[in-house]
Amino acid sequence: MSRATKWLIIAFIAGIILLLLRAGALAPAGLMSLVLFVGALTEQIIRIRMLQRANKAFDAGNNAASPKKSLSLKDALDILGLPESPLPDVQAVKQAYRKQMKRNHPDQGGSKYIASQLNAAKDTVLTEITKKS
């Protein structure tokens, strides 16, 4: 979809909202709900498009899209959504991994690339924890 088409759609939606407000068919509270709904819908569409692109790049075997062979500990913790210090325990790592995998598993509409990044991140953090023990 081109940039001009996107702006045309935005202008059209804004016009409809203004017409509804002017006619009294849409209360201010309803307007806020509508704005939040459109925002959430837009975020989901963007997420789906990003996942489709990542899957396409991963399936094509593009080296730039393949997961790093060894992630830094900081990157791995960021991917899993864990704090850098103190180093989390094994249970916290597994719990964060499961939480992220539930949302991003390819069978649930997620990306193969993101799933592979999560696997690499989990392995990196668990390896670092066993080294420190």
Protein backbone atom coordinates (compact mmCIF):
# COMPACT_ATOMS: atom_id res chain seq x y z
CA MET A 1 0.00 0.00 0.00
CA SER A 2 1.49 3.33 -1.00
CA ARG A 3 1.95 6.28 1.34
CA ALA A 4 -0.66 8.30 -0.58
CA THR A 5 -3.21 5.50 -0.16
CA LYS A 6 -2.55 5.35 3.58
CA TRP A 7 -3.06 9.10 3.96
CA LEU A 8 -6.22 8.91 1.90
CA ILE A 9 -7.61 6.22 4.21
CA ILE A 10 -6.66 8.25 7.31
CA ALA A 11 -8.33 11.37 5.87
CA PHE A 12 -11.45 9.36 5.02
CA ILE A 13 -11.72 7.92 8.54
CA ALA A 14 -11.14 11.36 10.07
CA GLY A 15 -13.89 12.80 7.85
CA ILE A 16 -16.35 10.12 8.93
CA ILE A 17 -15.54 10.75 12.59
CA LEU A 18 -16.04 14.49 12.17
CA LEU A 19 -19.36 13.95 10.41
CA LEU A 20 -20.55 11.64 13.19
CA LEU A 21 -19.51 14.16 15.85
CA ARG A 22 -21.23 17.03 14.02
CA ALA A 23 -24.45 15.03 13.62
CA GLY A 24 -24.40 14.13 17.31
CA ALA A 25 -24.29 10.43 16.54
CA LEU A 26 -20.98 9.99 18.33
CA ALA A 27 -20.39 11.13 21.89
CA PRO A 28 -16.88 12.20 22.99
CA ALA A 29 -16.52 9.00 25.03
CA GLY A 30 -17.46 7.00 21.95
CA LEU A 31 -14.88 8.93 19.97
CA MET A 32 -12.17 7.96 22.44
CA SER A 33 -13.19 4.31 22.20
CA LEU A 34 -13.11 4.54 18.42
CA VAL A 35 -9.66 6.12 18.42
CA LEU A 36 -8.31 3.43 20.76
CA PHE A 37 -9.86 0.70 18.61
CA VAL A 38 -8.35 2.09 15.41
CA GLY A 39 -4.96 2.41 17.14
CA ALA A 40 -5.05 -1.19 18.37
CA LEU A 41 -6.16 -2.42 14.96
CA THR A 42 -3.32 -0.52 13.29
CA GLU A 43 -0.77 -2.02 15.69
CA GLN A 44 -2.01 -5.54 14.93
CA ILE A 45 -1.83 -4.94 11.18
CA ILE A 46 1.73 -3.63 11.50
CA ARG A 47 2.73 -6.63 13.67
CA ILE A 48 1.24 -9.09 11.16
CA ARG A 49 3.06 -7.41 8.25
CA MET A 50 6.37 -7.49 10.14
CA LEU A 51 5.91 -11.18 10.95
CA GLN A 52 5.09 -11.96 7.33
CA ARG A 53 8.24 -10.18 6.15
CA ALA A 54 10.39 -11.93 8.75
CA ASN A 55 8.96 -15.33 7.82
CA LYS A 56 9.49 -14.68 4.12
CA ALA A 57 13.11 -13.63 4.69
CA PHE A 58 13.73 -16.59 6.99
CA ASP A 59 12.18 -19.08 4.56
CA ALA A 60 14.20 -17.65 1.68
CA GLY A 61 17.37 -18.45 3.59
CA ASN A 62 18.48 -14.85 3.69
CA ASN A 63 21.61 -14.78 5.85
CA ALA A 64 20.77 -11.31 7.16
CA ALA A 65 17.54 -12.64 8.62
CA SER A 66 18.96 -15.80 10.16
CA PRO A 67 19.51 -15.74 13.91
CA LYS A 68 22.92 -14.86 15.25
CA LYS A 69 24.98 -17.91 16.09
CA SER A 70 25.99 -16.48 19.46
CA LEU A 71 24.04 -13.70 21.08
CA SER A 72 25.60 -11.49 23.70
CA LEU A 73 24.17 -11.97 27.17
CA LYS A 74 22.70 -8.45 27.10
CA ASP A 75 20.93 -9.09 23.78
CA ALA A 76 19.64 -12.46 24.97
CA LEU A 77 18.23 -10.92 28.16
CA ASP A 78 16.58 -8.14 26.12
CA ILE A 79 14.95 -10.66 23.79
CA LEU A 80 13.55 -12.59 26.75
CA GLY A 81 12.50 -9.39 28.54
CA LEU A 82 14.63 -10.09 31.62
CA PRO A 83 16.65 -7.56 33.66
CA GLU A 84 20.43 -7.53 33.23
CA SER A 85 21.30 -7.58 36.89
CA PRO A 86 21.08 -9.61 38.92
CA LEU A 87 21.41 -12.56 36.58
CA PRO A 88 18.05 -14.40 36.66
CA ASP A 89 17.74 -17.97 37.87
CA VAL A 90 16.92 -20.92 35.61
CA GLN A 91 13.20 -20.88 36.51
CA ALA A 92 12.85 -17.20 35.62
CA VAL A 93 14.53 -17.80 32.25
CA LYS A 94 12.28 -20.75 31.44
CA GLN A 95 9.18 -18.81 32.52
CA ALA A 96 10.11 -15.78 30.37
CA TYR A 97 10.89 -18.08 27.43
CA ARG A 98 7.50 -19.81 27.68
CA LYS A 99 5.68 -16.47 27.95
CA GLN A 100 7.40 -15.11 24.82
CA MET A 101 7.02 -18.37 22.93
CA LYS A 102 3.28 -18.46 23.64
CA ARG A 103 2.91 -15.16 21.79
CA ASN A 104 5.45 -15.76 19.01
CA HIS A 105 5.32 -19.47 18.17
CA PRO A 106 4.93 -20.12 14.41
CA ASP A 107 1.97 -22.44 15.02
CA GLN A 108 0.18 -19.57 16.79
CA GLY A 109 0.72 -17.08 13.96
CA GLY A 110 4.17 -15.96 15.09
CA SER A 111 7.41 -15.79 13.19
CA LYS A 112 9.91 -18.59 12.68
CA TYR A 113 12.67 -16.00 12.91
CA ILE A 114 11.49 -14.66 16.27
CA ALA A 115 11.05 -18.21 17.59
CA SER A 116 14.60 -19.07 16.56
CA GLN A 117 15.86 -15.87 18.23
CA LEU A 118 14.03 -16.85 21.42
CA ASN A 119 15.60 -20.32 21.35
CA ALA A 120 19.07 -18.85 20.85
CA ALA A 121 18.48 -16.32 23.66
CA LYS A 122 17.32 -19.02 26.07
CA ASP A 123 20.34 -21.19 25.28
CA THR A 124 22.73 -18.25 25.72
CA VAL A 125 21.33 -17.22 29.10
CA LEU A 126 21.15 -20.79 30.44
CA THR A 127 24.74 -21.42 29.32
CA GLU A 128 25.87 -18.26 31.10
CA ILE A 129 24.01 -19.26 34.28
CA THR A 130 25.63 -22.72 34.31
CA LYS A 131 29.07 -21.13 33.77
CA LYS A 132 28.58 -18.85 36.79
CA SER A 133 27.40 -21.75 39.00
